[in-house]
Amino acid sequence: MSQPLQPVRGTHDLIGESMRRHRVVMDTAREIAERYGFAEMAPPMFEFSEVFHRTLGETSDVVSKETYTFTDRGGDSITLRPEFTASVVRAFLTAGLTQQLPFKAFYAGPAFRYERPQKGRLRQFHQIGVEVLGADAPWYDVEVIVCGFRILEALGLGEHVTLEMNSLGDAESRAAYRAALVEYFAAHRAHLSEDSQRRLESNPLRILDSKDPQDRALAEDAPELFEYFTPASHDWIAQVQEGLVGFGVPYTLNPRIVRGLDYYTHTVFEFTTQALGAQGTVLAGGRYNGLVQMMGGPDIPGIGFAAGVERLAMLLEQIAPQKMPPAPPRVVVCPLGSDTLLDAHILADGLRRAALNVEFMAPRKLGKAFEKAEKMGARYVILLGEDEKAEGSVAVKNLQTGEQVSMPREGLEDSLKKIFAQ
């Protein structure tokens, strides 16, 4: 016996209100980002695997455990994008935009990771985000963080998130700190988890981000990154803090926010919330000054953030439903008999061209049409029979009050817009 069709585990269908929330998140982010000078772009959903393997690192959990990688019919190794930054940088380089700086991009779309599905995390998920390439000043960090915060504010989530920030310092600071971490954790190697023992050689900073209780206990006494900062690193983070205070964006410093890849420098940040139960990150980003060069381009700095649309949509539903715009008013047009069928279709089309949302029905029983119209949220049903056709009028029934009035067909579009505006 064949099994009933089901969506693939870790995917979901966007239908009805879930689709509306999804669109509100993306459209709000798109609108706010545009105010900050970010132009939308859309890279392909898959790339040659090297694009992600080179940037995320062959030993990273994303590449080793989570990417959807396959060999296509031409024999090329292809990977569905697990994130957008590498694709944006690749597009920036292949389009020859290295002289057009700063390059500011906004994106919105699906990404793919093979991980254990959980609340707000899916195998096909959606992200919104921004990237700035050629942005080598602390105030760019401030602008990107503030842009992210304004998006959250516009969604009604500003009071429900906390900005946590850290600095990874410059390359010199980071190299000194990395050596100190290796020395410290090597002395406790036997007590580290298997993953952290592996990271000790490749990404020692990631040990600080481990969820293993024993790793976390050891990390409490690990050296602090700030102890190894150069004067330039201290000055950079001080300017970012001053900027955030000036913009009125509250923050806390969290030295445990790290990025394990060497191209990250200076500012890293996360907006977190308790509103989804356990603390969760809803928007995160950082400065990646070495990424463009790692991908074969010139030494061009960058910074950006990404946010999960599904998580933001869940927050929108739970704590900020007032930010959901009301469904646009809809009217239903019904012919009363076959002789007015074409005229009713033409009437409906004219209303649609006037930017009204119109559903057309040709029911056998008018009562059923009224019931269906109410279920879809329509406020009015426009009836066109032979008498109305001869008189150049229509009958308009108010589904909320039951009242039915005659209205001239000429100027009907404006009359309905006035009614909906009340």
Protein backbone atom coordinates (compact mmCIF):
# COMPACT_ATOMS: atom_id res chain seq x y z
CA MET A 1 0.00 0.00 0.00
CA SER A 2 1.41 3.37 -0.99
CA GLN A 3 2.01 5.94 1.74
CA PRO A 4 0.05 9.22 1.69
CA LEU A 5 1.98 12.17 0.33
CA GLN A 6 3.71 14.19 3.05
CA PRO A 7 6.07 17.18 3.02
CA VAL A 8 9.71 16.24 3.47
CA ARG A 9 10.77 16.33 7.13
CA GLY A 10 12.07 19.76 8.04
CA THR A 11 9.99 21.59 5.42
CA HIS A 12 6.61 23.24 5.67
CA ASP A 13 3.94 24.75 3.46
CA LEU A 14 3.22 28.47 3.65
CA ILE A 15 -0.54 28.86 3.29
CA GLY A 16 -3.03 31.48 4.39
CA GLU A 17 -2.04 33.41 7.53
CA SER A 18 1.39 31.76 7.74
CA MET A 19 2.12 33.03 4.24
CA ARG A 20 0.90 36.52 5.18
CA ARG A 21 3.19 36.61 8.24
CA HIS A 22 6.09 35.38 6.11
CA ARG A 23 5.49 38.17 3.61
CA VAL A 24 5.15 40.82 6.31
CA VAL A 25 8.57 39.88 7.72
CA MET A 26 10.25 39.93 4.32
CA ASP A 27 8.49 43.06 3.08
CA THR A 28 9.21 44.95 6.31
CA ALA A 29 12.89 44.00 6.19
CA ARG A 30 13.07 44.93 2.51
CA GLU A 31 11.51 48.35 3.13
CA ILE A 32 13.73 49.23 6.12
CA ALA A 33 16.91 47.99 4.41
CA GLU A 34 16.12 50.11 1.35
CA ARG A 35 15.96 53.20 3.57
CA TYR A 36 19.52 52.42 4.63
CA GLY A 37 20.72 52.22 1.04
CA PHE A 38 20.68 48.44 0.56
CA ALA A 39 19.71 47.32 -2.94
CA GLU A 40 18.07 43.90 -3.22
CA MET A 41 19.86 41.07 -5.01
CA ALA A 42 19.06 37.38 -5.48
CA PRO A 43 21.95 34.95 -5.99
CA PRO A 44 21.18 31.38 -7.16
CA MET A 45 19.96 28.85 -4.61
CA PHE A 46 22.93 26.58 -5.38
CA GLU A 47 26.61 27.14 -6.07
CA PHE A 48 29.69 25.10 -6.85
CA SER A 49 30.46 23.42 -3.54
CA GLU A 50 33.83 25.16 -3.29
CA VAL A 51 32.07 28.49 -2.67
CA PHE A 52 30.80 27.26 0.70
CA HIS A 53 33.50 24.72 1.52
CA ARG A 54 36.20 27.31 1.11
CA THR A 55 34.45 29.99 3.16
CA LEU A 56 32.85 27.90 5.91
CA GLY A 57 35.79 25.51 6.26
CA GLU A 58 35.88 21.82 5.40
CA THR A 59 35.92 20.91 9.11
CA SER A 60 33.00 23.14 10.15
CA ASP A 61 29.81 21.47 11.33
CA VAL A 62 27.85 23.12 8.52
CA VAL A 63 30.03 21.65 5.78
CA SER A 64 30.75 18.28 7.40
CA LYS A 65 27.22 17.55 8.67
CA GLU A 66 24.60 19.93 7.32
CA THR A 67 25.06 20.86 3.66
CA TYR A 68 22.95 19.40 0.87
CA THR A 69 25.74 18.52 -1.56
CA PHE A 70 25.38 16.41 -4.69
CA THR A 71 27.06 15.71 -8.00
CA ASP A 72 25.06 16.99 -10.95
CA ARG A 73 24.77 15.36 -14.36
CA GLY A 74 27.81 17.25 -15.58
CA GLY A 75 29.95 15.79 -12.80
CA ASP A 76 30.20 19.05 -10.82
CA SER A 77 29.84 19.12 -7.04
CA ILE A 78 26.90 21.39 -6.23
CA THR A 79 25.70 22.61 -2.83
CA LEU A 80 22.35 24.16 -1.93
CA ARG A 81 23.23 27.36 -0.12
CA PRO A 82 23.33 26.97 3.69
CA GLU A 83 23.72 30.76 4.04
CA PHE A 84 23.89 33.84 1.80
CA THR A 85 27.12 35.69 2.59
CA ALA A 86 29.41 33.50 0.49
CA SER A 87 27.01 33.72 -2.48
CA VAL A 88 26.80 37.51 -2.18
CA VAL A 89 30.60 37.80 -2.16
CA ARG A 90 30.91 35.39 -5.09
CA ALA A 91 28.38 37.44 -7.07
CA PHE A 92 30.20 40.65 -6.14
CA LEU A 93 33.46 39.24 -7.51
CA THR A 94 32.13 37.60 -10.67
CA ALA A 95 30.13 40.72 -11.57
CA GLY A 96 33.33 42.81 -11.40
CA LEU A 97 32.05 45.21 -8.74
CA THR A 98 35.26 45.57 -6.74
CA GLN A 99 35.65 49.21 -7.81
CA GLN A 100 32.08 50.15 -6.85
CA LEU A 101 32.47 50.50 -3.12
CA PRO A 102 30.80 50.42 -0.75
CA PHE A 103 28.63 47.64 -2.17
CA LYS A 104 25.44 47.33 -0.10
CA ALA A 105 23.10 44.39 -0.70
CA PHE A 106 19.86 43.12 0.83
CA TYR A 107 18.63 39.57 0.24
CA ALA A 108 15.60 37.46 1.11
CA GLY A 109 15.00 33.83 0.24
CA PRO A 110 15.36 30.14 1.14
CA ALA A 111 18.45 28.38 2.43
CA PHE A 112 19.05 24.71 3.25
CA ARG A 113 20.70 22.80 6.07
CA TYR A 114 20.34 19.16 6.99
CA GLU A 115 19.91 19.51 10.74
CA ARG A 116 17.50 18.19 13.34
CA PRO A 117 14.23 20.07 12.81
CA GLN A 118 13.07 21.97 15.88
CA LYS A 119 10.95 24.95 16.81
CA GLY A 120 11.72 27.74 14.38
CA ARG A 121 14.49 25.77 12.65
CA LEU A 122 13.84 23.86 9.45
CA ARG A 123 15.84 22.12 6.77
CA GLN A 124 14.48 24.53 4.21
CA PHE A 125 14.28 27.86 5.96
CA HIS A 126 14.25 31.47 4.85
CA GLN A 127 16.58 34.33 5.64
CA ILE A 128 16.66 38.07 5.26
CA GLY A 129 19.94 39.90 5.59
CA VAL A 130 22.31 42.64 4.48
CA GLU A 131 25.96 42.80 3.48
CA VAL A 132 28.27 45.80 3.10
CA LEU A 133 31.53 45.27 1.20
CA GLY A 134 34.23 47.95 1.26
CA ALA A 135 33.13 49.14 4.70
CA ASP A 136 36.28 49.70 6.76
CA ALA A 137 35.13 51.93 9.61
CA PRO A 138 33.39 51.38 12.98
CA TRP A 139 30.40 53.51 11.97
CA TYR A 140 29.53 50.93 9.30
CA ASP A 141 29.25 48.38 12.11
CA VAL A 142 26.91 50.75 13.93
CA GLU A 143 24.80 51.35 10.81
CA VAL A 144 24.37 47.62 10.14
CA ILE A 145 23.41 46.88 13.75
CA VAL A 146 20.99 49.82 13.86
CA CYS A 147 19.41 48.70 10.57
CA GLY A 148 18.82 45.24 12.05
CA PHE A 149 17.33 46.77 15.19
CA ARG A 150 15.01 49.04 13.17
CA ILE A 151 13.69 45.99 11.29
CA LEU A 152 12.93 44.29 14.60
CA GLU A 153 11.32 47.49 15.87
CA ALA A 154 9.15 47.77 12.77
CA LEU A 155 7.94 44.22 13.41
CA GLY A 156 7.00 45.18 16.98
CA LEU A 157 9.81 43.10 18.47
CA GLY A 158 12.20 45.81 19.65
CA GLU A 159 11.23 45.51 23.32
CA HIS A 160 11.43 41.72 23.22
CA VAL A 161 15.02 41.33 22.01
CA THR A 162 18.42 41.93 23.60
CA LEU A 163 21.47 43.01 21.61
CA GLU A 164 24.52 41.06 22.75
CA MET A 165 27.83 42.16 21.28
CA ASN A 166 31.48 41.19 21.35
CA SER A 167 34.66 42.16 19.56
CA LEU A 168 37.12 39.67 18.11
CA GLY A 169 39.76 42.37 17.68
CA ASP A 170 42.04 42.73 14.69
CA ALA A 171 44.14 39.96 13.16
CA GLU A 172 47.05 40.60 15.52
CA SER A 173 44.85 40.47 18.62
CA ARG A 174 43.11 37.35 17.39
CA ALA A 175 46.35 35.49 16.65
CA ALA A 176 47.67 36.20 20.14
CA TYR A 177 44.40 35.12 21.72
CA ARG A 178 44.20 31.96 19.65
CA ALA A 179 47.65 30.91 20.89
CA ALA A 180 46.61 31.57 24.49
CA LEU A 181 43.42 29.53 24.08
CA VAL A 182 45.27 26.58 22.57
CA GLU A 183 47.73 26.62 25.47
CA TYR A 184 44.94 26.79 28.05
CA PHE A 185 42.66 24.11 26.59
CA ALA A 186 45.54 21.80 25.69
CA ALA A 187 46.28 21.54 29.40
CA HIS A 188 42.69 20.27 29.88
CA ARG A 189 42.40 18.20 26.70
CA ALA A 190 41.33 15.05 28.51
CA HIS A 191 38.29 16.83 29.96
CA LEU A 192 37.10 18.33 26.66
CA SER A 193 34.28 16.84 24.62
CA GLU A 194 35.17 14.97 21.45
CA ASP A 195 34.02 17.89 19.28
CA SER A 196 36.07 20.38 21.28
CA GLN A 197 39.17 18.19 21.14
CA ARG A 198 38.84 18.33 17.36
CA ARG A 199 38.24 22.08 17.42
CA LEU A 200 41.34 22.63 19.55
CA GLU A 201 43.45 22.19 16.42
CA SER A 202 41.14 23.83 13.87
CA ASN A 203 38.85 26.39 15.56
CA PRO A 204 39.75 26.82 19.25
CA LEU A 205 37.43 29.83 19.59
CA ARG A 206 34.47 27.55 18.89
CA ILE A 207 35.15 25.76 22.19
CA LEU A 208 33.92 28.91 23.93
CA ASP A 209 30.59 28.41 22.14
CA SER A 210 30.23 24.73 23.07
CA LYS A 211 26.97 23.55 24.64
CA ASP A 212 28.68 20.65 26.44
CA PRO A 213 28.46 21.26 30.24
CA GLN A 214 32.07 20.21 30.85
CA ASP A 215 33.34 22.41 28.03
CA ARG A 216 31.34 25.35 29.38
CA ALA A 217 32.80 24.87 32.85
CA LEU A 218 36.34 24.91 31.46
CA ALA A 219 35.54 27.94 29.31
CA GLU A 220 34.61 29.94 32.42
CA ASP A 221 38.30 30.15 33.40
CA ALA A 222 39.67 30.55 29.87
CA PRO A 223 41.64 33.71 29.00
CA GLU A 224 39.57 36.74 27.94
CA LEU A 225 39.99 38.08 24.42
CA PHE A 226 40.08 41.71 25.63
CA GLU A 227 43.35 40.93 27.45
CA TYR A 228 45.07 40.52 24.08
CA PHE A 229 43.63 43.55 22.28
CA THR A 230 45.87 45.97 20.44
CA PRO A 231 45.16 49.70 20.98
CA ALA A 232 43.47 49.78 17.55
CA SER A 233 41.09 46.99 18.62
CA HIS A 234 40.16 48.80 21.83
CA ASP A 235 39.51 52.00 19.87
CA TRP A 236 37.31 50.21 17.30
CA ILE A 237 34.93 48.63 19.81
CA ALA A 238 34.82 51.87 21.83
CA GLN A 239 33.60 53.76 18.73
CA VAL A 240 30.94 51.12 18.05
CA GLN A 241 29.70 51.36 21.64
CA GLU A 242 29.61 55.15 21.45
CA GLY A 243 27.61 54.96 18.21
CA LEU A 244 25.03 52.56 19.64
CA VAL A 245 24.55 54.80 22.67
CA GLY A 246 24.06 57.76 20.34
CA PHE A 247 21.38 55.90 18.37
CA GLY A 248 19.65 54.77 21.55
CA VAL A 249 20.17 51.07 20.88
CA PRO A 250 20.71 49.22 24.19
CA TYR A 251 23.30 46.44 24.28
CA THR A 252 25.25 44.15 26.58
CA LEU A 253 28.78 42.88 26.09
CA ASN A 254 29.02 39.10 25.87
CA PRO A 255 32.60 37.79 25.54
CA ARG A 256 31.28 34.32 24.67
CA ILE A 257 29.91 35.40 21.27
CA VAL A 258 32.53 34.07 18.89
CA ARG A 259 33.00 33.15 15.26
CA GLY A 260 35.37 30.28 14.61
CA LEU A 261 36.54 31.32 11.16
CA ASP A 262 39.67 33.39 10.75
CA TYR A 263 38.18 35.97 8.41
CA TYR A 264 35.97 37.39 11.20
CA THR A 265 37.36 40.46 12.97
CA HIS A 266 36.18 43.18 15.33
CA THR A 267 32.40 43.40 15.86
CA VAL A 268 30.16 40.34 16.20
CA PHE A 269 26.62 40.58 17.53
CA GLU A 270 23.35 38.74 18.15
CA PHE A 271 19.81 39.84 18.90
CA THR A 272 18.35 37.25 21.25
CA THR A 273 14.93 36.69 22.81
CA GLN A 274 13.36 34.71 25.62
CA ALA A 275 9.93 34.93 23.99
CA LEU A 276 10.26 31.57 22.23
CA GLY A 277 10.95 29.67 25.46
CA ALA A 278 14.65 28.98 25.72
CA GLN A 279 16.91 31.86 24.76
CA GLY A 280 17.19 32.02 21.00
CA THR A 281 18.99 34.11 18.44
CA VAL A 282 16.73 35.85 15.93
CA LEU A 283 19.26 38.05 14.09
CA ALA A 284 23.05 37.81 14.09
CA GLY A 285 26.00 39.22 12.21
CA GLY A 286 29.56 40.39 12.27
CA ARG A 287 32.54 41.86 10.46
CA TYR A 288 34.37 39.55 8.04
CA ASN A 289 37.36 41.51 6.76
CA GLY A 290 39.21 38.50 5.36
CA LEU A 291 36.43 36.77 3.43
CA VAL A 292 36.67 38.51 0.05
CA GLN A 293 40.40 37.86 -0.11
CA MET A 294 39.88 34.22 0.92
CA MET A 295 37.54 33.85 -2.07
CA GLY A 296 40.20 35.08 -4.49
CA GLY A 297 39.36 38.77 -4.52
CA PRO A 298 41.25 41.83 -3.30
CA ASP A 299 41.57 42.75 0.37
CA ILE A 300 38.08 44.25 0.81
CA PRO A 301 36.45 44.34 4.26
CA GLY A 302 32.83 43.45 4.90
CA ILE A 303 30.10 43.30 7.51
CA GLY A 304 26.53 42.04 7.53
CA PHE A 305 23.76 40.21 9.36
CA ALA A 306 21.16 37.55 8.70
CA ALA A 307 17.85 36.70 10.37
CA GLY A 308 15.60 33.67 10.17
CA VAL A 309 12.20 34.53 8.71
CA GLU A 310 10.45 31.58 10.37
CA ARG A 311 11.58 32.63 13.83
CA LEU A 312 10.61 36.25 13.25
CA ALA A 313 7.21 35.12 11.94
CA MET A 314 6.66 33.04 15.09
CA LEU A 315 7.49 36.08 17.24
CA LEU A 316 5.19 38.23 15.14
CA GLU A 317 2.35 35.78 15.75
CA GLN A 318 2.96 35.41 19.48
CA ILE A 319 3.89 38.86 20.74
CA ALA A 320 3.19 41.41 18.01
CA PRO A 321 0.03 40.35 16.14
CA GLN A 322 -0.98 44.03 15.99
CA LYS A 323 1.80 44.54 13.45
CA MET A 324 0.01 42.29 10.99
CA PRO A 325 -1.84 44.54 8.54
CA PRO A 326 -5.51 43.67 8.11
CA ALA A 327 -6.35 41.52 5.13
CA PRO A 328 -7.21 43.81 2.20
CA PRO A 329 -10.99 44.25 1.81
CA ARG A 330 -12.50 41.89 -0.71
CA VAL A 331 -15.74 42.00 -2.66
CA VAL A 332 -17.51 39.20 -4.46
CA VAL A 333 -19.25 39.68 -7.81
CA CYS A 334 -22.13 37.33 -8.64
CA PRO A 335 -24.18 37.22 -11.87
CA LEU A 336 -27.86 36.45 -11.42
CA GLY A 337 -28.34 34.07 -14.32
CA SER A 338 -26.40 33.14 -17.43
CA ASP A 339 -27.53 36.23 -19.37
CA THR A 340 -25.41 38.49 -17.17
CA LEU A 341 -22.43 36.16 -16.85
CA LEU A 342 -20.18 38.04 -19.30
CA ASP A 343 -21.23 41.45 -18.00
CA ALA A 344 -20.45 40.35 -14.43
CA HIS A 345 -17.00 39.14 -15.53
CA ILE A 346 -16.34 42.51 -17.19
CA LEU A 347 -17.55 44.31 -14.06
CA ALA A 348 -15.19 42.25 -11.87
CA ASP A 349 -12.26 42.97 -14.17
CA GLY A 350 -12.96 46.71 -14.06
CA LEU A 351 -12.94 46.65 -10.26
CA ARG A 352 -9.66 44.72 -10.24
CA ARG A 353 -8.09 47.26 -12.59
CA ALA A 354 -9.14 49.90 -10.06
CA ALA A 355 -6.99 48.06 -7.46
CA LEU A 356 -9.84 46.33 -5.64
CA ASN A 357 -9.63 42.67 -4.58
CA VAL A 358 -12.45 40.84 -6.29
CA GLU A 359 -13.61 37.23 -6.24
CA PHE A 360 -15.96 36.08 -9.00
CA MET A 361 -18.67 33.49 -8.30
CA ALA A 362 -21.42 32.10 -10.49
CA PRO A 363 -23.37 30.09 -7.92
CA ARG A 364 -26.45 27.99 -8.43
CA LYS A 365 -27.72 28.98 -4.98
CA LEU A 366 -27.21 32.55 -3.86
CA GLY A 367 -27.31 31.62 -0.16
CA LYS A 368 -24.29 29.36 -0.63
CA ALA A 369 -22.43 32.21 -2.30
CA PHE A 370 -23.11 34.48 0.68
CA GLU A 371 -21.82 31.81 3.08
CA LYS A 372 -18.67 31.26 1.06
CA ALA A 373 -18.08 35.01 0.71
CA GLU A 374 -18.30 35.45 4.49
CA LYS A 375 -15.83 32.61 5.09
CA MET A 376 -13.27 34.24 2.80
CA GLY A 377 -13.64 37.54 4.67
CA ALA A 378 -15.55 39.49 2.02
CA ARG A 379 -17.59 42.43 3.25
CA TYR A 380 -19.81 42.98 0.22
CA VAL A 381 -21.38 40.94 -2.56
CA ILE A 382 -22.20 42.73 -5.80
CA LEU A 383 -25.14 41.23 -7.65
CA LEU A 384 -25.80 41.79 -11.35
CA GLY A 385 -29.11 40.58 -12.77
CA GLU A 386 -31.03 41.44 -15.93
CA ASP A 387 -32.86 44.35 -14.26
CA GLU A 388 -29.61 45.83 -12.95
CA LYS A 389 -28.00 45.37 -16.35
CA ALA A 390 -30.84 47.25 -18.05
CA GLU A 391 -30.77 50.06 -15.47
CA GLY A 392 -26.96 50.42 -15.43
CA SER A 393 -26.86 49.58 -11.74
CA VAL A 394 -25.80 46.80 -9.36
CA ALA A 395 -27.18 45.49 -6.08
CA VAL A 396 -24.65 45.67 -3.24
CA LYS A 397 -25.28 43.45 -0.22
CA ASN A 398 -23.52 44.20 3.09
CA LEU A 399 -22.68 40.79 4.56
CA GLN A 400 -22.23 42.23 8.06
CA THR A 401 -25.61 43.98 8.31
CA GLY A 402 -27.59 42.09 5.69
CA GLU A 403 -28.60 45.42 4.10
CA GLN A 404 -28.86 45.50 0.31
CA VAL A 405 -28.84 48.72 -1.71
CA SER A 406 -28.83 49.68 -5.38
CA MET A 407 -25.82 51.61 -6.66
CA PRO A 408 -25.00 53.06 -10.11
CA ARG A 409 -22.56 50.97 -12.08
CA GLU A 410 -20.83 54.10 -13.29
CA GLY A 411 -18.40 55.25 -10.63
CA LEU A 412 -18.84 52.04 -8.63
CA GLU A 413 -15.08 51.72 -8.12
CA ASP A 414 -14.85 55.09 -6.36
CA SER A 415 -17.98 54.40 -4.32
CA LEU A 416 -16.55 51.14 -3.00
CA LYS A 417 -13.19 52.72 -2.17
CA LYS A 418 -14.98 55.39 -0.12
CA ILE A 419 -16.92 52.72 1.74
CA PHE A 420 -13.75 50.74 2.49
CA ALA A 421 -11.98 53.88 3.68
CA GLN A 422 -14.59 54.45 6.41
